[in-house]
N, C-alpha and C. Protein backbone atom coordinates (compact mmCIF):
# COMPACT_ATOMS: atom_id res chain seq x y z
N MET A 1 -53.29 -25.24 48.05
CA MET A 1 -54.03 -26.41 47.90
C MET A 1 -55.12 -26.28 49.40
N LYS A 2 -56.30 -26.63 49.48
CA LYS A 2 -56.92 -27.09 50.37
C LYS A 2 -56.40 -27.91 51.67
N PRO A 3 -56.80 -27.69 52.82
CA PRO A 3 -56.38 -29.03 54.19
C PRO A 3 -56.70 -30.19 53.63
N ALA A 4 -57.93 -30.28 53.56
CA ALA A 4 -58.11 -31.82 52.69
C ALA A 4 -57.13 -32.21 51.69
N ASP A 5 -57.04 -31.80 50.93
CA ASP A 5 -55.90 -32.12 49.83
C ASP A 5 -54.92 -31.94 50.52
N ARG A 6 -54.09 -32.03 51.00
CA ARG A 6 -52.85 -31.51 51.67
C ARG A 6 -52.83 -33.00 52.40
N GLU A 7 -54.41 -33.66 53.10
CA GLU A 7 -53.91 -34.63 54.33
C GLU A 7 -54.12 -36.00 53.32
N GLU A 8 -55.41 -35.63 52.16
CA GLU A 8 -54.71 -36.89 51.11
C GLU A 8 -54.15 -37.04 50.33
N TRP A 9 -53.01 -35.61 50.31
CA TRP A 9 -51.30 -36.68 49.47
C TRP A 9 -50.84 -36.59 50.87
N ILE A 10 -50.49 -36.39 51.89
CA ILE A 10 -49.83 -37.12 53.36
C ILE A 10 -50.65 -38.39 53.53
N LEU A 11 -51.20 -38.56 53.29
CA LEU A 11 -52.09 -40.45 53.59
C LEU A 11 -51.43 -41.41 52.42
N ASN A 12 -51.47 -40.83 51.37
CA ASN A 12 -51.22 -41.25 49.93
C ASN A 12 -49.85 -41.64 50.05
N TYR A 13 -49.05 -40.75 50.65
CA TYR A 13 -47.84 -40.66 50.63
C TYR A 13 -47.12 -42.01 51.07
N LEU A 14 -47.77 -41.71 52.70
CA LEU A 14 -47.20 -43.02 53.16
C LEU A 14 -48.22 -44.19 53.40
N LYS A 15 -49.18 -44.26 52.41
CA LYS A 15 -49.53 -45.97 51.70
C LYS A 15 -48.67 -46.00 50.67
N VAL A 16 -48.72 -45.65 49.58
CA VAL A 16 -47.52 -46.12 48.83
C VAL A 16 -46.03 -46.35 49.48
N ARG A 17 -45.48 -45.91 50.87
CA ARG A 17 -44.13 -46.53 51.36
C ARG A 17 -44.73 -47.36 51.88
N SER A 18 -46.03 -47.67 52.45
CA SER A 18 -46.18 -48.98 54.09
C SER A 18 -46.43 -50.02 52.55
N ALA A 19 -47.04 -49.95 51.25
CA ALA A 19 -47.29 -51.38 50.66
C ALA A 19 -46.87 -52.36 50.76
N ASN A 20 -46.02 -52.15 50.94
CA ASN A 20 -45.25 -53.62 51.28
C ASN A 20 -45.17 -54.64 52.53
N GLY A 21 -45.85 -53.67 53.85
CA GLY A 21 -46.49 -54.38 55.21
C GLY A 21 -45.67 -53.41 55.90
N THR A 22 -44.94 -52.57 56.20
CA THR A 22 -43.95 -52.75 56.68
C THR A 22 -44.65 -51.22 57.13
N ARG A 23 -44.55 -50.65 58.21
CA ARG A 23 -44.70 -49.26 58.40
C ARG A 23 -43.82 -47.81 58.57
N TYR A 24 -43.93 -47.18 57.51
CA TYR A 24 -43.26 -46.38 57.39
C TYR A 24 -43.54 -44.79 58.49
N PHE A 25 -42.42 -44.41 58.78
CA PHE A 25 -42.93 -43.40 59.52
C PHE A 25 -42.32 -41.70 59.05
N VAL A 26 -42.84 -40.71 58.64
CA VAL A 26 -42.28 -39.16 58.58
C VAL A 26 -42.16 -38.19 59.71
N ASP A 27 -41.67 -37.34 59.33
CA ASP A 27 -41.50 -36.64 60.58
C ASP A 27 -40.75 -34.88 59.93
N MET A 28 -40.67 -34.09 60.26
CA MET A 28 -40.08 -32.64 60.26
C MET A 28 -38.92 -32.49 59.74
N VAL A 29 -37.96 -33.64 60.32
CA VAL A 29 -36.31 -33.44 59.82
C VAL A 29 -36.36 -34.98 58.74
N HIS A 30 -37.19 -35.22 58.50
CA HIS A 30 -37.16 -35.85 57.65
C HIS A 30 -37.28 -35.37 55.81
N SER A 31 -36.16 -35.06 55.42
CA SER A 31 -35.75 -34.05 54.42
C SER A 31 -36.48 -34.01 53.46
N SER A 32 -36.17 -35.54 52.88
CA SER A 32 -37.25 -35.67 51.22
C SER A 32 -38.95 -35.53 51.67
N PHE A 33 -39.54 -35.92 52.39
CA PHE A 33 -40.30 -36.19 52.78
C PHE A 33 -40.93 -34.37 52.80
N VAL A 34 -40.39 -33.45 53.74
CA VAL A 34 -40.77 -31.90 53.88
C VAL A 34 -40.02 -31.64 52.38
N ASP A 35 -39.37 -32.03 51.35
CA ASP A 35 -39.16 -31.51 50.22
C ASP A 35 -40.33 -31.52 49.29
N ASP A 36 -40.96 -32.96 49.78
CA ASP A 36 -41.98 -33.57 48.55
C ASP A 36 -43.38 -32.93 49.10
N TYR A 37 -43.34 -32.53 49.90
CA TYR A 37 -44.81 -32.13 50.82
C TYR A 37 -44.86 -30.65 49.55
N ALA A 38 -43.59 -30.11 50.04
CA ALA A 38 -43.52 -28.76 49.33
C ALA A 38 -44.08 -28.18 48.04
N GLU A 39 -43.74 -29.72 47.28
CA GLU A 39 -43.33 -29.46 45.83
C GLU A 39 -45.28 -29.61 45.15
N ALA A 40 -45.13 -30.53 46.09
CA ALA A 40 -46.86 -31.03 45.71
C ALA A 40 -47.90 -30.19 46.45
N THR A 41 -47.62 -29.43 47.37
CA THR A 41 -48.50 -28.39 47.70
C THR A 41 -48.76 -27.16 47.64
N GLU A 42 -47.33 -26.85 47.16
CA GLU A 42 -46.89 -25.04 46.57
C GLU A 42 -46.47 -24.32 48.21
N ALA A 43 -46.04 -24.83 49.58
CA ALA A 43 -46.15 -24.85 50.60
C ALA A 43 -45.02 -23.52 50.65
N LYS A 44 -44.78 -22.53 51.25
CA LYS A 44 -43.72 -22.26 51.80
C LYS A 44 -42.98 -22.82 52.61
N LEU A 45 -41.03 -22.75 52.04
CA LEU A 45 -40.41 -23.22 53.27
C LEU A 45 -39.50 -22.06 54.03
N GLY A 46 -38.90 -22.94 55.16
CA GLY A 46 -37.78 -21.53 55.09
C GLY A 46 -36.19 -22.97 54.83
N TYR A 47 -35.63 -22.29 54.35
CA TYR A 47 -34.51 -22.80 54.14
C TYR A 47 -33.70 -22.71 54.73
N VAL A 48 -32.44 -23.86 55.14
CA VAL A 48 -31.54 -24.07 55.91
C VAL A 48 -30.70 -24.95 55.19
N MET A 49 -29.31 -24.78 56.08
CA MET A 49 -28.06 -25.15 54.97
C MET A 49 -28.00 -26.69 55.22
N ILE A 50 -28.00 -27.49 56.71
CA ILE A 50 -28.31 -28.56 56.79
C ILE A 50 -29.51 -29.10 57.49
N GLY A 51 -30.24 -30.31 57.38
CA GLY A 51 -31.03 -30.72 57.04
C GLY A 51 -32.22 -30.67 56.56
N ALA A 52 -33.34 -30.76 57.04
CA ALA A 52 -34.46 -30.36 56.61
C ALA A 52 -35.13 -28.96 56.52
N HIS A 53 -35.76 -28.59 55.30
CA HIS A 53 -36.04 -26.94 55.42
C HIS A 53 -37.16 -27.27 56.39
N LYS A 54 -37.57 -25.55 56.90
CA LYS A 54 -39.12 -25.81 57.97
C LYS A 54 -40.17 -25.51 56.91
N CYS A 55 -40.84 -26.28 57.79
CA CYS A 55 -42.61 -25.64 56.50
C CYS A 55 -43.10 -26.30 57.67
N PRO A 56 -43.67 -24.77 58.40
CA PRO A 56 -45.07 -24.89 59.29
C PRO A 56 -45.92 -25.21 58.94
N GLN A 57 -46.71 -25.50 57.83
CA GLN A 57 -48.13 -25.31 57.41
C GLN A 57 -47.90 -27.47 57.55
N LEU A 58 -46.68 -27.76 57.03
CA LEU A 58 -46.88 -28.98 56.85
C LEU A 58 -46.45 -29.59 59.09
N GLY A 59 -46.12 -28.90 59.76
CA GLY A 59 -46.14 -29.48 60.70
C GLY A 59 -47.66 -28.82 61.37
N GLU A 60 -48.28 -28.59 60.95
CA GLU A 60 -50.05 -28.31 61.25
C GLU A 60 -50.59 -28.88 60.35
N ASP A 61 -50.63 -29.68 59.90
CA ASP A 61 -51.09 -30.47 58.90
C ASP A 61 -51.07 -32.48 59.33
N LEU A 62 -49.32 -32.17 60.10
CA LEU A 62 -49.22 -33.84 60.97
C LEU A 62 -50.40 -33.48 61.98
N SER A 63 -50.02 -32.45 62.96
CA SER A 63 -50.87 -32.10 64.35
C SER A 63 -52.20 -32.48 63.86
N ARG A 64 -52.75 -31.40 62.95
CA ARG A 64 -54.56 -32.05 62.77
C ARG A 64 -54.64 -33.29 62.21
N MET A 65 -53.93 -33.97 61.69
CA MET A 65 -54.28 -35.12 61.12
C MET A 65 -54.34 -35.93 62.55
N PHE A 66 -53.07 -35.90 63.48
CA PHE A 66 -53.56 -36.80 64.61
C PHE A 66 -54.26 -36.36 65.73
N ARG A 67 -54.58 -35.70 65.47
CA ARG A 67 -56.39 -34.85 66.34
C ARG A 67 -57.49 -35.55 65.59
N LYS A 68 -57.36 -36.04 64.76
CA LYS A 68 -58.12 -36.49 64.16
C LYS A 68 -58.46 -37.65 63.91
N ASP A 69 -57.43 -38.57 64.36
CA ASP A 69 -57.16 -39.97 64.41
C ASP A 69 -56.88 -40.43 62.78
N LEU A 70 -56.43 -39.64 61.98
CA LEU A 70 -55.70 -40.40 60.54
C LEU A 70 -54.29 -40.33 60.79
N LEU A 71 -53.79 -40.28 61.68
CA LEU A 71 -52.14 -41.10 61.67
C LEU A 71 -51.76 -41.07 63.09
N ARG A 72 -50.90 -41.84 63.58
CA ARG A 72 -50.40 -42.24 64.95
C ARG A 72 -49.12 -41.22 65.11
N ARG A 73 -48.79 -41.34 66.21
CA ARG A 73 -47.96 -40.17 66.93
C ARG A 73 -46.87 -40.91 67.78
N HIS A 74 -45.61 -40.54 67.33
CA HIS A 74 -44.95 -40.47 68.40
C HIS A 74 -43.83 -40.11 68.89
N VAL A 75 -42.96 -39.91 69.83
CA VAL A 75 -41.61 -39.30 70.19
C VAL A 75 -40.29 -40.15 69.37
N SER A 76 -40.03 -39.42 68.82
CA SER A 76 -38.37 -40.23 68.21
C SER A 76 -37.25 -39.16 68.85
N GLY A 77 -36.21 -39.95 69.15
CA GLY A 77 -34.99 -39.27 69.63
C GLY A 77 -33.68 -39.56 68.62
N ILE A 78 -33.62 -37.83 68.75
CA ILE A 78 -33.00 -37.60 67.66
C ILE A 78 -31.15 -38.14 68.56
N TYR A 79 -29.95 -38.59 67.96
CA TYR A 79 -29.14 -38.61 68.97
C TYR A 79 -28.09 -38.19 67.79
N GLY A 80 -26.84 -37.90 68.47
CA GLY A 80 -25.44 -37.67 67.49
C GLY A 80 -25.25 -35.84 67.76
N MET A 81 -25.74 -35.12 67.23
CA MET A 81 -25.14 -33.86 67.22
C MET A 81 -25.85 -33.00 67.55
N GLY A 82 -27.52 -33.60 67.45
CA GLY A 82 -28.65 -32.67 68.31
C GLY A 82 -28.17 -31.65 68.74
N LYS A 83 -27.94 -31.75 69.67
CA LYS A 83 -28.26 -30.45 70.97
C LYS A 83 -27.27 -29.23 70.63
N TYR A 84 -25.79 -29.97 69.90
CA TYR A 84 -24.71 -29.30 69.86
C TYR A 84 -24.86 -28.23 68.10
N SER A 85 -25.55 -28.42 67.75
CA SER A 85 -25.57 -27.80 66.64
C SER A 85 -27.02 -27.04 65.97
N GLY A 86 -28.06 -27.20 67.05
CA GLY A 86 -29.21 -26.30 67.13
C GLY A 86 -30.65 -27.39 66.43
N PHE A 87 -30.24 -28.82 66.03
CA PHE A 87 -30.91 -29.24 66.25
C PHE A 87 -31.61 -29.92 67.18
N PRO A 88 -32.67 -30.18 66.75
CA PRO A 88 -33.95 -31.02 67.68
C PRO A 88 -33.29 -32.42 68.43
N THR A 89 -33.48 -32.24 69.99
CA THR A 89 -32.72 -33.74 69.85
C THR A 89 -33.68 -34.72 70.31
N TRP A 90 -35.56 -34.48 69.79
CA TRP A 90 -36.76 -35.40 69.33
C TRP A 90 -37.67 -34.77 68.45
N VAL A 91 -38.37 -35.55 67.68
CA VAL A 91 -39.83 -34.99 66.97
C VAL A 91 -40.31 -35.32 67.25
N TYR A 92 -42.09 -35.43 66.85
CA TYR A 92 -42.68 -36.34 66.75
C TYR A 92 -42.75 -37.05 65.05
N SER A 93 -42.66 -38.00 64.83
CA SER A 93 -42.74 -39.41 64.19
C SER A 93 -44.17 -39.88 63.88
N TYR A 94 -44.45 -39.52 62.59
CA TYR A 94 -45.98 -40.07 62.26
C TYR A 94 -46.18 -40.96 61.03
N SER A 95 -47.16 -41.89 61.59
CA SER A 95 -47.53 -42.68 60.63
C SER A 95 -48.91 -43.60 60.30
N LEU A 96 -49.34 -44.25 59.50
CA LEU A 96 -50.13 -44.36 59.11
C LEU A 96 -50.87 -45.10 60.71
N PRO A 97 -52.30 -45.45 60.91
CA PRO A 97 -52.74 -45.92 61.95
C PRO A 97 -53.15 -47.68 61.95
């Protein structure tokens, strides 16, 4: 799938989930989002036992879309067992502008 098609898929994913007027956020640890994206785009995944699978292509797409002003981005802290189990302590979360 071409980058423009993947961008369209991400935007549609967010629009559908934001339809009721609430802002919907996605990030790289949002496992159902990562899985849905990989299924729709046939992106390669790095499988992990716990948490969201690794998907470098998705990270690149989200960053590019932020730079193009297609998405908003902010830092979200991850609390709990993050630093003790190899999980990140923060991630970028993305939403529609």
